[in-house]
């Protein structure tokens, strides 16, 4: 089984995931824009199990549909590395940039298109959702 490792900028917080990517996507919601300091969050989902090394600070946010998400970031450099949905242990979402891999697969889905900056161009054929489809 293949594995991938993502880490924060300083390398203190790391997550190792196993197996194939379940899916990749970008989220343009205002919360993700503020959380990442960018125009969108780029995320990749992986099935359990995963291994974390290093210390993580946590922030829990309630999404528009009522689900709670626990974001983990490095308390030293501040990099956002991964998050999970509270009460759902089936997968983990890892920030694509934390893999530091320019060959990482392109996103398949784009959510909160209603908040997408009009100059952001995405791959042809991507599935687009005006809001959160879940």
Protein backbone atom coordinates (compact mmCIF):
# COMPACT_ATOMS: atom_id res chain seq x y z
CA UNK A 1 0.00 0.00 0.00
CA UNK A 2 1.36 3.42 -0.93
CA UNK A 3 1.76 6.20 1.60
CA UNK A 4 2.16 9.97 1.41
CA UNK A 5 3.42 12.41 4.01
CA UNK A 6 2.28 15.99 4.41
CA UNK A 7 3.82 18.47 6.81
CA UNK A 8 3.72 22.02 8.02
CA UNK A 9 6.28 24.55 6.79
CA UNK A 10 8.72 24.02 9.68
CA UNK A 11 8.29 20.21 9.61
CA UNK A 12 7.21 19.87 13.23
CA UNK A 13 3.67 18.59 12.41
CA UNK A 14 3.33 15.70 9.96
CA UNK A 15 0.59 13.37 8.79
CA UNK A 16 1.20 10.11 6.95
CA UNK A 17 -1.76 8.76 4.99
CA UNK A 18 -2.14 5.33 3.39
CA UNK A 19 -3.67 4.17 0.13
CA UNK A 20 -5.23 5.98 -2.77
CA UNK A 21 -6.73 9.45 -2.70
CA UNK A 22 -10.50 9.25 -2.19
CA UNK A 23 -10.99 12.62 -3.88
CA UNK A 24 -9.58 16.09 -4.32
CA UNK A 25 -11.37 19.38 -4.28
CA UNK A 26 -11.27 23.09 -3.70
CA UNK A 27 -13.55 25.11 -1.45
CA UNK A 28 -14.18 28.80 -2.05
CA UNK A 29 -16.31 29.46 1.05
CA UNK A 30 -15.40 32.56 3.02
CA UNK A 31 -14.37 30.48 6.05
CA UNK A 32 -11.83 28.54 3.97
CA UNK A 33 -10.57 31.77 2.41
CA UNK A 34 -9.98 33.23 5.86
CA UNK A 35 -8.55 29.97 7.26
CA UNK A 36 -6.00 29.57 4.47
CA UNK A 37 -5.33 33.23 3.72
CA UNK A 38 -5.89 32.38 0.06
CA UNK A 39 -8.75 32.44 -2.44
CA UNK A 40 -9.68 28.81 -1.72
CA UNK A 41 -8.67 25.69 0.19
CA UNK A 42 -7.29 22.75 -1.79
CA UNK A 43 -8.00 19.44 -0.04
CA UNK A 44 -7.45 15.73 -0.57
CA UNK A 45 -9.44 13.04 1.24
CA UNK A 46 -7.88 9.80 2.48
CA UNK A 47 -9.42 6.81 4.25
CA UNK A 48 -8.30 5.82 7.71
CA UNK A 49 -5.84 4.98 9.14
CA UNK A 50 -3.38 7.84 9.32
CA UNK A 51 -0.45 8.67 11.61
CA UNK A 52 0.30 12.09 13.07
CA UNK A 53 3.63 13.14 14.53
CA UNK A 54 4.32 16.41 16.30
CA UNK A 55 2.09 18.75 18.22
CA UNK A 56 -1.05 20.22 16.70
CA UNK A 57 -3.20 23.14 17.75
CA UNK A 58 -6.91 22.62 17.01
CA UNK A 59 -9.79 24.81 15.95
CA UNK A 60 -13.36 23.49 15.63
CA UNK A 61 -15.74 25.19 13.20
CA UNK A 62 -19.38 24.43 12.46
CA UNK A 63 -20.16 24.21 8.73
CA UNK A 64 -23.25 25.54 6.98
CA UNK A 65 -24.97 22.14 7.19
CA UNK A 66 -24.27 21.79 10.95
CA UNK A 67 -21.31 19.41 10.81
CA UNK A 68 -18.35 20.25 13.03
CA UNK A 69 -14.83 20.17 11.60
CA UNK A 70 -11.64 20.01 13.67
CA UNK A 71 -8.75 21.77 11.90
CA UNK A 72 -5.19 20.92 12.96
CA UNK A 73 -2.35 23.34 12.42
CA UNK A 74 1.21 23.76 13.61
CA UNK A 75 1.49 25.85 16.80
CA UNK A 76 4.99 26.95 15.74
CA UNK A 77 4.74 28.02 12.08
CA UNK A 78 0.92 28.23 11.84
CA UNK A 79 0.56 26.01 8.76
CA UNK A 80 -2.84 24.38 8.34
CA UNK A 81 -2.16 20.67 7.67
CA UNK A 82 -5.36 18.59 7.99
CA UNK A 83 -8.86 18.34 9.39
CA UNK A 84 -11.49 15.78 10.31
CA UNK A 85 -15.24 15.88 10.72
CA UNK A 86 -16.21 15.46 14.37
CA UNK A 87 -17.99 12.12 14.79
CA UNK A 88 -16.98 10.83 11.34
CA UNK A 89 -13.90 8.62 11.54
CA UNK A 90 -14.08 7.40 7.92
CA UNK A 91 -11.65 9.88 6.37
CA UNK A 92 -9.20 12.73 6.88
CA UNK A 93 -8.86 15.84 4.70
CA UNK A 94 -5.29 16.98 4.09
CA UNK A 95 -4.26 20.37 2.72
CA UNK A 96 -2.83 19.62 -0.74
CA UNK A 97 -0.09 22.24 -0.31
CA UNK A 98 1.20 20.40 2.78
CA UNK A 99 2.36 17.57 0.48
CA UNK A 100 4.70 20.04 -1.31
CA UNK A 101 4.20 17.99 -4.49
CA UNK A 102 3.57 19.92 -7.74
CA UNK A 103 2.56 16.65 -9.43
CA UNK A 104 -0.36 16.13 -7.02
CA UNK A 105 -3.60 15.36 -8.94
CA UNK A 106 -5.86 18.25 -9.94
CA UNK A 107 -9.13 18.82 -8.05
CA UNK A 108 -12.23 16.90 -9.10
CA UNK A 109 -14.76 19.12 -7.33
CA UNK A 110 -15.20 22.81 -6.60
CA UNK A 111 -17.61 23.85 -3.85
CA UNK A 112 -18.98 27.28 -2.99
CA UNK A 113 -18.62 28.49 -6.56
CA UNK A 114 -20.85 31.39 -5.46
CA UNK A 115 -17.82 32.70 -3.50
CA UNK A 116 -15.14 31.92 -6.13
CA UNK A 117 -13.06 34.90 -7.19
CA UNK A 118 -13.99 35.41 -10.86
CA UNK A 119 -10.36 35.37 -12.02
CA UNK A 120 -9.67 31.92 -10.50
CA UNK A 121 -9.46 29.40 -13.35
CA UNK A 122 -10.05 25.71 -12.65
CA UNK A 123 -9.47 22.58 -14.75
CA UNK A 124 -11.98 21.78 -17.48
CA UNK A 125 -14.45 19.08 -16.51
CA UNK A 126 -14.33 19.79 -12.78
CA UNK A 127 -17.66 19.22 -10.98
CA UNK A 128 -18.95 22.54 -9.65
CA UNK A 129 -21.36 23.20 -6.79
CA UNK A 130 -22.80 26.61 -6.00
CA UNK A 131 -22.76 25.74 -2.26
CA UNK A 132 -21.95 22.68 -0.15
CA UNK A 133 -23.62 19.61 -1.74
CA UNK A 134 -23.55 17.60 1.50
